[in-house]
Structures are given as structure tokens and as C-alpha cells.
């Protein structure tokens, strides 16, 4: 009962007459103080600045009242709140939450005022030739913006309220200006990350990246042996260089996440990969959900079946309980598996971003923060500024140079539909876990061309998955199952 009361208290505050109008005013940009009014108000509240315009000083009183309500709802003291939000990244996150409440109200799942994270494929140049590359990197027939254009994009993202900017690719470390771009992002108070294949992470390069402001490195490792990893990566000798890159990153103090895209090629090696992660001292192991897009369409016959994925997620959940490494997955079904396994006693709810400890009165927040975040918690951007709902979602919905970012976020039909769980097609749309899961929308889109269709990777969508196979049963015999899968997908 206490849980419901806490959520209701916050909802009542947000839905009170005039509350959202007040929050919108707080989220507006102050030309005099050169920041959002909310950010200035928070700095005043936290004692990080002494002066501001009259409107921003008045906004500080509203922010103080709002934080008091939030603290009371979830059992946090004012001192604890002030300590937490002195961290600039937490502060940007809070600003996005408040702006989201102003723009969209108390929605389920929750939509922030801007993407929490933007994954920017800053280049399609790459030093490897990975079999499953979502970007089909390595080609040269595309437009890649220069340094000044890229910095102007970062300025736009910062003003929009983005909390995390992850440079990806291709291989982002190939860009000669990557350190300048990292410094520019970090200068705006944005949490800056890099997704890399790891082979360029020498000790010197790690020191440079750390000095520039990179906090987090995601390093791809697709096998526990050189044979498996190098086959995936398309270049021999990369396993040793990747492992050495991981060692260098850990030694330099980065938050290191090892990412593994799981298919039939490496499914049996997942336990050994996690063991290797533990021995290397990384923080996270993340099992990436294979999505048939980019160059990955050519290995689609080696995707996991729904039952294989289910068993893998069950293994990962059990491994999470006793591993020194935090185990995560981009498969949104991971949350459902955890809740079904543990029942009402489950307090840890795994998401793409983190394994959230939500005991007691915070537990019901899982319905608001969990599930697929495409076009809701995060977006992706291509080297030319094109915007897609996520890196695995090959549907361009705008461009950072041509479109108003605020208008895209609030008005775009595709974003609105991606955030809705009750209108998804069965079984996803009627599933009792739709708010903590909702299925992978990129997966649904790449398999069927319809992002509202069921996620064929989930065991609860067996009829849909079998229907895809049966669609071609007259043309193919059962003995050609691999060829059948290739045609269906």
C-alpha cells in the first residue's frame, strides 16, 4: 500500500491544476543566464551559484518545493537529495525528468523531456569487418560531418537536455578529432561514452581519452576464444588486441562494459565470456540482442530461437546473483524473466541502462522506467546528422540540421507510437509485462517491417514466430530449416 501511495503522491502533484504549466516555465531557456531556467534554479538551490535573474531566482523556490515532494514520496532527505544532485550528470537527469513531466505528464512508461542518451555513429570508417555490423561500416560512400559541424551538433544536444552522449560507429577512435569532440561534450556537462572494438585502446590512448573526459567505454567481445571472436570480427589477431584494450581501460579507471552480440556462433561461450570479464575486472557484461539489420542480415539464420533466448536470459539472471560483474541485456524480456523467476519478492529489475534496485515503495517505478527505450529514452544519430529511434532501427525520422529537435520529440507520430504499449499487436500489447518490457521495437520492425508487431524473439509470441516460419512451408521442406529461416526473415 505504501508503494501505491508514494506514486500517487507524485502523480497528484504533477496533475494538480497549473502544475504542468509551472514545470514548463521552469524548463524554458533563460537567455540572460545562458542555461535552462531549471538548471539555474538547481544551481541556486544547491549553492553552486550566487546570482541569477529574477525569474530564475523565483524558479528556485518552485524547484525546492518539487524536490521536497519527491523526497517525501520516496524517503530521501533534503541533504541526500542535495548531495546526489551536485553531480552534474544527476542534475541533467533530474532536469530531463522534470521537463518530461511538463511536456507529457505522468505517463506509463515515462517519457523524459529529451532523450537520456544519444548514440552517435560519428563515422562509418572502421578497422574491422564485423559479420554482424548494424551500420554495415567500412564503406566510403556517405557524408561525414567535420569538426565544427560536429561541435555545433553537440551544442544542440546539450541545449536540448541530453544527459549521455555515446560516440559509436564504425570505429569512433579512427576520427582524428575524437578527443576534441569528447572535450566539447564534457564541457557541456554531458556524460560522455565511447563504444569501440577495443583494438586501438593502447595505454597512451586510454590516458588521452580519460583526460579528455570520457567516463565509460563499451568494448565489444564476441567470443571467449580467438577463433570465435576473430571470425566475428573478420580480421585475425583481434582477440588478443581486444583483451589487451580491456585491460588497459580497466587499469586507467574507466567504467568498462563488455558487450557481446549473441548468436549460434557464440551462444555456448557466454559463460566463459562472463568468467573472462570477471578476471579482467570489468564492471558490466551486456548481452546484446541480435537485430537483423545492416550487415547482420546476412547471418540471420544463426539468430537464437525464442526458446534459446529465454534459456539464455534465465541463465544470465541466475549469474547476476553471484557474479562480480553486473549482468545486463538489451533484450527487454530480461525484466519479465526476472519478475517471473522471483515473483513478488523480486526487488532488482534489470533494464538496458542498469539493474535497478527498487525495493519497497520504489518497486512500482519499474512500470515507468523499464522496457524498450527506442524513441523514448534514447535515439541514434548517423554521421550526416540523420536521426533514427535507435542504432538498430533503420528508419530515418529527422535530421539534426533540418528539424526542430523539440518538435520531433513532442510531435513525431513514430515516436508517439513507439512509446505506447497498449496499442501493440498481440501478444506484446496484452502482455501483463508490457510496461517493463514491451518487446524490442527494432526487432519487430526489422523482422516484419512493422514496429508495432510482436517481438518474434519472445517465447510469449510463439504463434507469431511460428507464423513467420509457416508462411513459407509450402515452398520449403523441414529439412531445409536454415534456408527457411533465411527466407522468412
Protein backbone atom coordinates (compact mmCIF):
# COMPACT_ATOMS: atom_id res chain seq x y z
CA UNK A 1 0.00 0.00 0.00
CA UNK A 2 2.92 2.33 0.78
CA UNK A 3 4.25 1.91 -2.76
CA UNK A 4 0.99 2.99 -4.34
CA UNK A 5 0.75 5.97 -2.00
CA UNK A 6 4.20 7.21 -2.99
CA UNK A 7 3.47 7.06 -6.71
CA UNK A 8 0.06 8.64 -6.17
CA UNK A 9 1.60 11.49 -4.19
CA UNK A 10 3.94 12.39 -7.04
CA UNK A 11 1.16 11.95 -9.62
CA UNK A 12 -1.18 14.21 -7.63
CA UNK A 13 1.47 16.92 -7.52
CA UNK A 14 2.12 16.74 -11.28
CA UNK A 15 -1.56 16.57 -12.20
CA UNK A 16 -2.64 19.40 -9.89
CA UNK A 17 -4.15 22.41 -11.74
CA UNK A 18 -1.39 24.61 -13.12
CA UNK A 19 1.43 22.23 -12.14
CA UNK A 20 2.46 21.29 -15.67
CA UNK A 21 2.33 24.92 -16.79
CA UNK A 22 4.64 25.74 -13.90
CA UNK A 23 7.01 22.92 -14.87
CA UNK A 24 7.05 24.10 -18.49
CA UNK A 25 8.04 27.55 -17.34
CA UNK A 26 10.86 26.05 -15.30
CA UNK A 27 12.08 24.10 -18.35
CA UNK A 28 12.31 27.15 -20.63
CA UNK A 29 15.66 28.59 -21.67
CA UNK A 30 16.98 31.74 -19.96
CA UNK A 31 18.84 33.91 -22.46
CA UNK A 32 20.29 36.07 -19.70
CA UNK A 33 21.79 33.22 -17.66
CA UNK A 34 22.51 31.11 -20.80
CA UNK A 35 21.00 27.94 -19.39
CA UNK A 36 17.60 26.46 -18.86
CA UNK A 37 15.77 28.18 -16.03
CA UNK A 38 15.56 24.84 -14.26
CA UNK A 39 19.32 24.33 -14.37
CA UNK A 40 19.95 27.80 -12.96
CA UNK A 41 17.35 27.20 -10.23
CA UNK A 42 19.00 23.91 -9.28
CA UNK A 43 22.41 25.57 -9.08
CA UNK A 44 20.96 28.22 -6.77
CA UNK A 45 19.25 25.58 -4.63
CA UNK A 46 22.45 23.55 -4.34
CA UNK A 47 24.62 26.56 -3.57
CA UNK A 48 26.60 26.19 -6.82
CA UNK A 49 25.93 29.79 -7.86
CA UNK A 50 25.11 33.03 -6.05
CA UNK A 51 23.38 35.19 -8.63
CA UNK A 52 20.77 34.87 -11.37
CA UNK A 53 17.96 36.86 -12.98
CA UNK A 54 14.75 37.46 -11.05
CA UNK A 55 12.76 34.77 -12.88
CA UNK A 56 15.44 32.15 -12.21
CA UNK A 57 15.58 33.12 -8.53
CA UNK A 58 11.81 32.70 -8.32
CA UNK A 59 12.13 29.36 -10.10
CA UNK A 60 14.45 28.18 -7.32
CA UNK A 61 11.57 28.34 -4.84
CA UNK A 62 9.45 26.10 -7.09
CA UNK A 63 12.30 23.63 -7.53
CA UNK A 64 12.81 23.47 -3.78
CA UNK A 65 9.13 22.62 -3.28
CA UNK A 66 9.17 20.00 -6.03
CA UNK A 67 12.22 18.25 -4.60
CA UNK A 68 10.64 18.24 -1.18
CA UNK A 69 7.59 16.44 -2.60
CA UNK A 70 9.79 13.95 -4.44
CA UNK A 71 11.95 13.35 -1.39
CA UNK A 72 8.93 12.75 0.84
CA UNK A 73 7.41 10.39 -1.72
CA UNK A 74 10.48 8.15 -1.90
CA UNK A 75 12.01 8.54 1.54
CA UNK A 76 15.01 10.74 0.70
CA UNK A 77 16.19 13.53 3.00
CA UNK A 78 16.92 17.00 1.68
CA UNK A 79 20.60 16.51 2.49
CA UNK A 80 20.69 13.29 0.46
CA UNK A 81 18.93 14.98 -2.46
CA UNK A 82 21.38 17.89 -2.45
CA UNK A 83 24.36 15.55 -2.29
CA UNK A 84 23.11 13.48 -5.22
CA UNK A 85 22.25 16.41 -7.48
CA UNK A 86 25.55 18.19 -7.02
CA UNK A 87 26.76 15.61 -9.53
CA UNK A 88 26.25 17.37 -12.93
CA UNK A 89 25.05 14.15 -14.61
CA UNK A 90 22.38 13.50 -12.00
CA UNK A 91 21.41 17.15 -12.28
CA UNK A 92 20.93 16.90 -16.05
CA UNK A 93 18.91 13.73 -15.50
CA UNK A 94 16.65 15.48 -13.00
CA UNK A 95 16.13 18.35 -15.43
CA UNK A 96 15.07 15.91 -18.13
CA UNK A 97 12.64 14.17 -15.76
CA UNK A 98 11.00 17.46 -14.74
CA UNK A 99 10.82 18.62 -18.35
CA UNK A 100 9.27 15.27 -19.30
CA UNK A 101 6.59 15.67 -16.64
CA UNK A 102 5.89 19.14 -18.01
CA UNK A 103 5.62 18.02 -21.64
CA UNK A 104 3.94 14.62 -21.32
CA UNK A 105 2.57 14.34 -17.80
CA UNK A 106 2.76 11.22 -15.66
CA UNK A 107 2.88 8.63 -18.45
CA UNK A 108 3.47 4.90 -18.25
CA UNK A 109 6.10 4.20 -19.46
CA UNK A 110 7.74 7.50 -18.61
CA UNK A 111 8.99 9.86 -21.34
CA UNK A 112 11.74 12.36 -20.37
CA UNK A 113 11.94 15.89 -21.74
CA UNK A 114 14.73 14.87 -24.13
CA UNK A 115 16.48 11.56 -24.83
CA UNK A 116 18.52 10.50 -21.83
CA UNK A 117 21.04 9.08 -24.27
CA UNK A 118 22.05 9.74 -27.86
CA UNK A 119 24.20 7.13 -29.58
CA UNK A 120 26.04 8.92 -32.36
CA UNK A 121 27.59 6.89 -35.16
CA UNK A 122 30.21 9.58 -35.64
CA UNK A 123 31.86 7.69 -38.52
CA UNK A 124 31.30 4.63 -40.69
CA UNK A 125 35.05 4.14 -41.16
CA UNK A 126 36.29 1.05 -39.38
CA UNK A 127 39.43 -1.02 -38.96
CA UNK A 128 37.48 -4.31 -38.77
CA UNK A 129 34.87 -6.07 -40.89
CA UNK A 130 32.41 -7.49 -38.39
CA UNK A 131 29.88 -10.00 -39.72
CA UNK A 132 27.02 -8.60 -37.64
CA UNK A 133 27.68 -4.84 -38.01
CA UNK A 134 24.39 -2.94 -37.76
CA UNK A 135 25.94 0.04 -39.59
CA UNK A 136 27.48 -2.00 -42.42
CA UNK A 137 30.60 0.04 -41.66
CA UNK A 138 33.68 0.19 -43.85
CA UNK A 139 32.24 1.87 -46.92
CA UNK A 140 33.18 5.37 -48.10
CA UNK A 141 30.06 6.49 -49.97
CA UNK A 142 28.47 8.61 -47.26
CA UNK A 143 28.64 12.12 -45.82
CA UNK A 144 30.54 12.59 -42.56
CA UNK A 145 30.40 16.00 -40.90
CA UNK A 146 33.57 17.86 -39.98
CA UNK A 147 34.75 19.00 -36.56
CA UNK A 148 32.93 22.34 -36.41
CA UNK A 149 29.67 20.84 -37.65
CA UNK A 150 30.00 18.06 -35.07
CA UNK A 151 30.60 20.59 -32.29
CA UNK A 152 27.50 22.51 -33.35
CA UNK A 153 25.54 19.24 -33.06
CA UNK A 154 26.86 18.76 -29.54
CA UNK A 155 25.74 22.31 -28.70
CA UNK A 156 22.23 21.46 -29.92
CA UNK A 157 22.12 18.22 -27.93
CA UNK A 158 23.33 19.98 -24.79
CA UNK A 159 20.71 22.72 -25.08
CA UNK A 160 18.06 20.07 -25.71
CA UNK A 161 18.92 18.43 -22.38
CA UNK A 162 20.62 15.17 -23.41
CA UNK A 163 22.28 13.50 -20.41
CA UNK A 164 24.53 10.90 -22.09
CA UNK A 165 26.31 11.10 -25.44
CA UNK A 166 27.88 7.87 -26.69
CA UNK A 167 30.19 8.06 -29.69
CA UNK A 168 29.94 4.92 -31.80
CA UNK A 169 30.47 3.94 -35.42
CA UNK A 170 32.14 2.33 -37.30
CA UNK A 171 35.10 2.80 -35.04
CA UNK A 172 34.95 6.25 -33.39
CA UNK A 173 38.60 6.19 -32.32
CA UNK A 174 39.58 6.39 -36.00
CA UNK A 175 38.39 10.02 -36.14
CA UNK A 176 41.35 12.34 -35.62
CA UNK A 177 39.19 14.89 -33.81
CA UNK A 178 37.57 12.47 -31.35
CA UNK A 179 39.40 13.98 -28.37
CA UNK A 180 38.22 17.48 -29.33
CA UNK A 181 34.63 16.26 -29.63
CA UNK A 182 34.82 14.48 -26.28
CA UNK A 183 36.16 17.63 -24.61
CA UNK A 184 33.40 19.70 -26.18
CA UNK A 185 30.73 17.28 -24.95
CA UNK A 186 32.23 17.06 -21.48
CA UNK A 187 32.41 20.86 -21.31
CA UNK A 188 28.62 20.95 -21.53
CA UNK A 189 28.30 18.61 -18.54
CA UNK A 190 27.21 15.69 -20.72
CA UNK A 191 28.22 12.21 -19.57
CA UNK A 192 30.43 11.09 -22.45
CA UNK A 193 30.95 7.49 -23.52
CA UNK A 194 32.58 5.64 -26.39
CA UNK A 195 31.60 2.31 -27.96
CA UNK A 196 34.68 0.73 -29.51
CA UNK A 197 36.04 -2.59 -30.75
CA UNK A 198 38.92 -2.02 -28.32
CA UNK A 199 41.86 -2.78 -30.58
CA UNK A 200 43.08 0.86 -30.57
CA UNK A 201 42.96 1.18 -26.77
CA UNK A 202 46.66 1.44 -26.05
CA UNK A 203 47.75 2.67 -22.63
CA UNK A 204 48.54 6.08 -24.10
CA UNK A 205 45.20 6.31 -25.89
CA UNK A 206 43.35 5.40 -22.70
CA UNK A 207 45.14 8.16 -20.79
CA UNK A 208 44.22 10.67 -23.53
CA UNK A 209 40.57 9.66 -23.52
CA UNK A 210 40.39 9.80 -19.73
CA UNK A 211 41.98 13.24 -19.68
CA UNK A 212 39.52 14.46 -22.35
CA UNK A 213 36.55 13.47 -20.17
CA UNK A 214 35.42 10.00 -21.30
CA UNK A 215 33.79 8.21 -18.34
CA UNK A 216 32.57 4.97 -19.90
CA UNK A 217 33.90 2.57 -22.51
CA UNK A 218 31.81 -0.13 -24.12
CA UNK A 219 34.11 -2.71 -25.69
CA UNK A 220 32.85 -5.45 -27.99
CA UNK A 221 33.95 -9.02 -27.29
CA UNK A 222 32.15 -11.74 -29.22
CA UNK A 223 33.91 -14.87 -28.08
CA UNK A 224 35.91 -16.43 -25.27
CA UNK A 225 38.46 -17.73 -27.78
CA UNK A 226 40.47 -16.12 -30.59
CA UNK A 227 38.82 -18.40 -33.14
CA UNK A 228 35.26 -17.29 -32.31
CA UNK A 229 35.96 -13.59 -31.75
CA UNK A 230 38.19 -13.16 -34.80
CA UNK A 231 35.68 -14.98 -37.01
CA UNK A 232 33.02 -12.50 -35.90
CA UNK A 233 35.33 -9.52 -36.37
CA UNK A 234 36.63 -10.52 -39.78
CA UNK A 235 40.32 -9.88 -39.00
CA UNK A 236 42.74 -12.38 -37.40
CA UNK A 237 44.62 -11.48 -34.22
CA UNK A 238 41.94 -9.15 -32.86
CA UNK A 239 41.05 -11.22 -29.78
CA UNK A 240 44.40 -10.60 -28.11
CA UNK A 241 44.35 -6.90 -29.00
CA UNK A 242 40.78 -6.51 -27.71
CA UNK A 243 41.55 -8.23 -24.40
CA UNK A 244 44.64 -6.05 -24.00
CA UNK A 245 42.50 -2.99 -24.74
CA UNK A 246 40.09 -4.06 -21.98
CA UNK A 247 42.98 -4.47 -19.56
CA UNK A 248 44.32 -1.00 -20.43
CA UNK A 249 40.87 0.57 -19.98
CA UNK A 250 40.31 -1.07 -16.59
CA UNK A 251 43.77 -0.01 -15.41
CA UNK A 252 43.05 3.60 -16.39
CA UNK A 253 39.88 3.65 -14.26
CA UNK A 254 37.16 3.70 -16.91
CA UNK A 255 33.74 2.24 -16.27
CA UNK A 256 34.12 -0.70 -18.66
CA UNK A 257 31.20 -2.58 -20.18
CA UNK A 258 31.93 -5.63 -22.32
CA UNK A 259 29.25 -6.10 -24.98
CA UNK A 260 28.55 -9.43 -26.67
CA UNK A 261 26.10 -9.93 -29.53
CA UNK A 262 24.86 -13.48 -29.03
CA UNK A 263 24.04 -15.79 -31.96
CA UNK A 264 24.53 -19.51 -32.58
CA UNK A 265 28.18 -18.73 -33.31
CA UNK A 266 28.97 -17.89 -29.69
CA UNK A 267 25.99 -18.95 -27.55
CA UNK A 268 27.88 -21.77 -25.84
CA UNK A 269 30.76 -19.43 -24.95
CA UNK A 270 28.67 -16.91 -23.00
CA UNK A 271 29.54 -18.41 -19.56
CA UNK A 272 33.24 -18.32 -20.43
CA UNK A 273 32.97 -14.73 -21.70
CA UNK A 274 31.46 -13.69 -18.35
CA UNK A 275 34.21 -15.55 -16.50
CA UNK A 276 36.77 -13.68 -18.61
CA UNK A 277 35.06 -10.38 -17.77
CA UNK A 278 35.33 -11.19 -14.07
CA UNK A 279 39.02 -11.96 -14.38
CA UNK A 280 39.63 -8.72 -16.30
CA UNK A 281 37.85 -6.59 -13.69
CA UNK A 282 35.19 -5.02 -15.90
CA UNK A 283 32.04 -3.53 -14.34
CA UNK A 284 29.34 -4.78 -16.74
CA UNK A 285 28.69 -7.61 -19.13
CA UNK A 286 25.91 -6.81 -21.58
CA UNK A 287 24.29 -9.43 -23.78
CA UNK A 288 23.21 -7.62 -26.94
CA UNK A 289 20.04 -8.77 -28.64
CA UNK A 290 20.86 -9.63 -32.25
CA UNK A 291 18.84 -7.47 -34.67
CA UNK A 292 18.78 -8.33 -38.40
CA UNK A 293 19.91 -5.02 -39.84
CA UNK A 294 22.93 -3.69 -41.73
CA UNK A 295 25.49 -6.40 -42.48
CA UNK A 296 23.81 -8.54 -39.82
CA UNK A 297 21.02 -9.51 -42.21
CA UNK A 298 23.43 -11.96 -43.82
CA UNK A 299 23.82 -14.06 -40.65
CA UNK A 300 20.16 -14.04 -39.69
CA UNK A 301 19.85 -17.82 -39.98
CA UNK A 302 22.15 -18.04 -36.97
CA UNK A 303 19.88 -16.00 -34.71
CA UNK A 304 18.67 -17.59 -31.48
CA UNK A 305 15.23 -19.11 -31.36
CA UNK A 306 12.80 -17.60 -28.82
CA UNK A 307 13.32 -20.61 -26.53
CA UNK A 308 17.10 -20.34 -26.75
CA UNK A 309 16.91 -16.65 -25.88
CA UNK A 310 14.62 -17.43 -22.95
CA UNK A 311 17.03 -20.01 -21.55
CA UNK A 312 19.95 -17.62 -22.00
CA UNK A 313 18.14 -14.84 -20.14
CA UNK A 314 17.31 -17.25 -17.31
CA UNK A 315 20.98 -18.19 -17.10
CA UNK A 316 22.01 -14.52 -17.07
CA UNK A 317 19.54 -13.76 -14.28
CA UNK A 318 20.97 -16.53 -12.12
CA UNK A 319 24.51 -15.45 -13.00
CA UNK A 320 23.69 -11.88 -11.97
CA UNK A 321 23.04 -13.04 -8.40
CA UNK A 322 26.55 -14.30 -7.74
CA UNK A 323 28.83 -12.71 -10.32
CA UNK A 324 31.32 -9.97 -9.57
CA UNK A 325 30.18 -8.42 -12.87
CA UNK A 326 26.78 -6.77 -13.24
CA UNK A 327 24.96 -8.69 -16.00
CA UNK A 328 22.64 -6.78 -18.32
CA UNK A 329 20.90 -7.27 -21.66
CA UNK A 330 19.35 -5.14 -24.39
CA UNK A 331 16.63 -7.80 -24.67
CA UNK A 332 13.69 -6.17 -22.82
CA UNK A 333 12.38 -9.62 -21.90
CA UNK A 334 15.14 -9.77 -19.27
CA UNK A 335 12.89 -7.83 -16.86
CA UNK A 336 10.00 -10.24 -17.42
CA UNK A 337 12.25 -13.24 -16.84
CA UNK A 338 13.46 -11.72 -13.56
CA UNK A 339 9.93 -10.96 -12.33
CA UNK A 340 8.60 -14.38 -13.34
CA UNK A 341 11.54 -16.16 -11.69
CA UNK A 342 11.46 -14.26 -8.41
CA UNK A 343 7.74 -13.49 -8.13
CA UNK A 344 6.53 -10.77 -5.75
CA UNK A 345 9.84 -10.84 -3.89
CA UNK A 346 11.80 -9.50 -6.86
CA UNK A 347 13.38 -6.15 -5.98
CA UNK A 348 16.03 -5.89 -8.71
CA UNK A 349 14.54 -5.01 -12.10
CA UNK A 350 17.04 -5.29 -14.98
CA UNK A 351 16.92 -2.74 -17.78
CA UNK A 352 19.18 -1.79 -20.68
CA UNK A 353 20.67 1.05 -18.63
CA UNK A 354 21.20 -0.64 -15.28
CA UNK A 355 19.97 -3.29 -12.89
CA UNK A 356 17.65 -1.16 -10.78
CA UNK A 357 17.27 -1.96 -7.10
CA UNK A 358 13.65 -0.97 -6.47
CA UNK A 359 12.66 -2.29 -3.05
CA UNK A 360 9.51 -1.45 -1.14
CA UNK A 361 7.95 1.85 -2.20
CA UNK A 362 10.16 2.29 -5.26
CA UNK A 363 9.29 -1.05 -6.83
CA UNK A 364 6.30 0.18 -8.83
CA UNK A 365 8.59 2.60 -10.65
CA UNK A 366 9.65 -0.33 -12.84
CA UNK A 367 6.46 0.19 -14.88
CA UNK A 368 7.65 3.69 -15.69
CA UNK A 369 11.37 3.26 -16.40
CA UNK A 370 11.60 -0.23 -17.91
CA UNK A 371 11.19 -1.73 -21.34
CA UNK A 372 12.25 -0.77 -24.83
CA UNK A 373 13.60 2.77 -24.89
CA UNK A 374 13.73 3.39 -28.67
CA UNK A 375 12.38 6.88 -29.33
CA UNK A 376 11.64 7.21 -25.62
CA UNK A 377 14.81 7.05 -23.50
CA UNK A 378 17.28 7.16 -26.36
CA UNK A 379 17.75 7.90 -30.05
CA UNK A 380 20.58 7.39 -32.52
CA UNK A 381 22.28 9.70 -35.00
CA UNK A 382 24.19 8.91 -38.18
CA UNK A 383 27.37 10.62 -39.45
CA UNK A 384 25.32 13.03 -41.57
CA UNK A 385 23.02 14.04 -38.71
CA UNK A 386 20.10 11.77 -39.61
CA UNK A 387 18.10 10.67 -36.57
CA UNK A 388 16.71 7.17 -36.00
CA UNK A 389 14.86 5.70 -32.97
CA UNK A 390 17.91 3.56 -32.12
CA UNK A 391 21.04 2.28 -33.84
CA UNK A 392 19.32 -0.98 -34.81
CA UNK A 393 16.26 0.80 -36.20
CA UNK A 394 16.96 1.73 -39.87
CA UNK A 395 14.16 4.29 -40.11
CA UNK A 396 15.23 7.91 -40.51
CA UNK A 397 12.76 10.20 -38.71
CA UNK A 398 14.60 13.53 -38.89
CA UNK A 399 17.90 15.36 -39.17
CA UNK A 400 19.61 17.50 -36.53
CA UNK A 401 20.39 20.24 -39.07
CA UNK A 402 16.97 20.31 -40.76
CA UNK A 403 14.48 19.69 -37.97
CA UNK A 404 13.49 21.26 -34.67
CA UNK A 405 14.57 18.72 -32.05
CA UNK A 406 11.95 19.77 -29.52
CA UNK A 407 9.19 19.41 -32.13
CA UNK A 408 10.44 15.99 -33.22
CA UNK A 409 10.44 14.77 -29.64
CA UNK A 410 6.95 16.01 -28.81
CA UNK A 411 5.07 15.74 -32.10
CA UNK A 412 6.55 13.00 -34.29
CA UNK A 413 3.98 10.27 -34.90
CA UNK A 414 6.57 7.47 -34.90
CA UNK A 415 7.94 8.50 -31.51
CA UNK A 416 4.43 8.73 -30.07
CA UNK A 417 3.58 5.24 -31.28
CA UNK A 418 6.85 3.72 -30.07
CA UNK A 419 6.06 4.96 -26.56
CA UNK A 420 2.61 3.35 -26.46
CA UNK A 421 2.38 -0.15 -25.04
CA UNK A 422 -1.36 -0.78 -25.01
CA UNK A 423 -1.68 -0.45 -28.81
CA UNK A 424 1.00 -3.01 -29.68
CA UNK A 425 -0.17 -6.06 -31.57
CA UNK A 426 -0.62 -9.30 -29.64
CA UNK A 427 0.88 -10.76 -27.62
CA UNK A 428 3.02 -7.74 -26.70
CA UNK A 429 0.03 -5.37 -26.46
CA UNK A 430 -1.88 -7.51 -23.96
CA UNK A 431 1.07 -8.90 -22.00
CA UNK A 432 0.98 -8.17 -18.28
CA UNK A 433 4.69 -7.28 -18.52
CA UNK A 434 4.28 -4.79 -21.37
CA UNK A 435 5.32 -1.79 -19.25
CA UNK A 436 8.56 -3.35 -18.01
CA UNK A 437 9.24 -4.97 -21.39
CA UNK A 438 7.10 -4.14 -24.42
CA UNK A 439 9.29 -6.21 -26.72
CA UNK A 440 12.16 -4.87 -28.81
CA UNK A 441 10.62 -2.46 -31.32
CA UNK A 442 13.69 -2.51 -33.58
CA UNK A 443 13.50 -6.29 -33.67
CA UNK A 444 9.81 -6.18 -34.57
CA UNK A 445 10.49 -3.64 -37.32
CA UNK A 446 13.46 -5.46 -38.86
CA UNK A 447 11.66 -8.79 -38.91
CA UNK A 448 8.25 -7.68 -40.14
CA UNK A 449 8.50 -4.06 -41.33
CA UNK A 450 6.02 -3.03 -38.61
CA UNK A 451 7.36 -1.65 -35.31
CA UNK A 452 4.00 -2.32 -33.63
CA UNK A 453 4.14 -6.04 -34.39
CA UNK A 454 5.03 -8.61 -31.72
CA UNK A 455 8.70 -9.17 -30.95
CA UNK A 456 9.37 -12.58 -32.59
CA UNK A 457 12.24 -13.19 -30.18
CA UNK A 458 9.95 -13.71 -27.18
CA UNK A 459 8.56 -17.11 -26.15
CA UNK A 460 5.20 -15.46 -25.44
CA UNK A 461 4.94 -14.67 -29.16
CA UNK A 462 5.27 -18.27 -30.30
CA UNK A 463 2.26 -18.06 -32.62
CA UNK A 464 3.69 -15.02 -34.40
CA UNK A 465 7.13 -16.63 -34.67
CA UNK A 466 5.68 -19.88 -35.96
CA UNK A 467 3.52 -17.94 -38.38
CA UNK A 468 6.64 -16.43 -39.93
CA UNK A 469 8.01 -19.93 -40.45
CA UNK A 470 4.73 -21.40 -41.70
CA UNK A 471 4.43 -18.60 -44.24
CA UNK A 472 6.84 -20.46 -46.47
CA UNK A 473 6.11 -24.06 -45.55
CA UNK A 474 4.66 -24.85 -48.98
CA UNK A 475 7.87 -23.73 -50.67
CA UNK A 476 10.40 -25.34 -48.36
CA UNK A 477 10.68 -28.66 -46.61
CA UNK A 478 11.52 -29.05 -42.97
CA UNK A 479 14.95 -30.46 -43.79
CA UNK A 480 15.91 -27.02 -45.16
CA UNK A 481 15.07 -25.20 -41.93
CA UNK A 482 18.11 -22.91 -42.05
CA UNK A 483 17.24 -21.84 -45.59
CA UNK A 484 13.63 -21.42 -44.49
CA UNK A 485 14.62 -19.05 -41.68
CA UNK A 486 16.74 -17.06 -44.11
CA UNK A 487 13.77 -16.54 -46.44
CA UNK A 488 11.28 -15.74 -43.69
CA UNK A 489 13.44 -13.10 -42.08
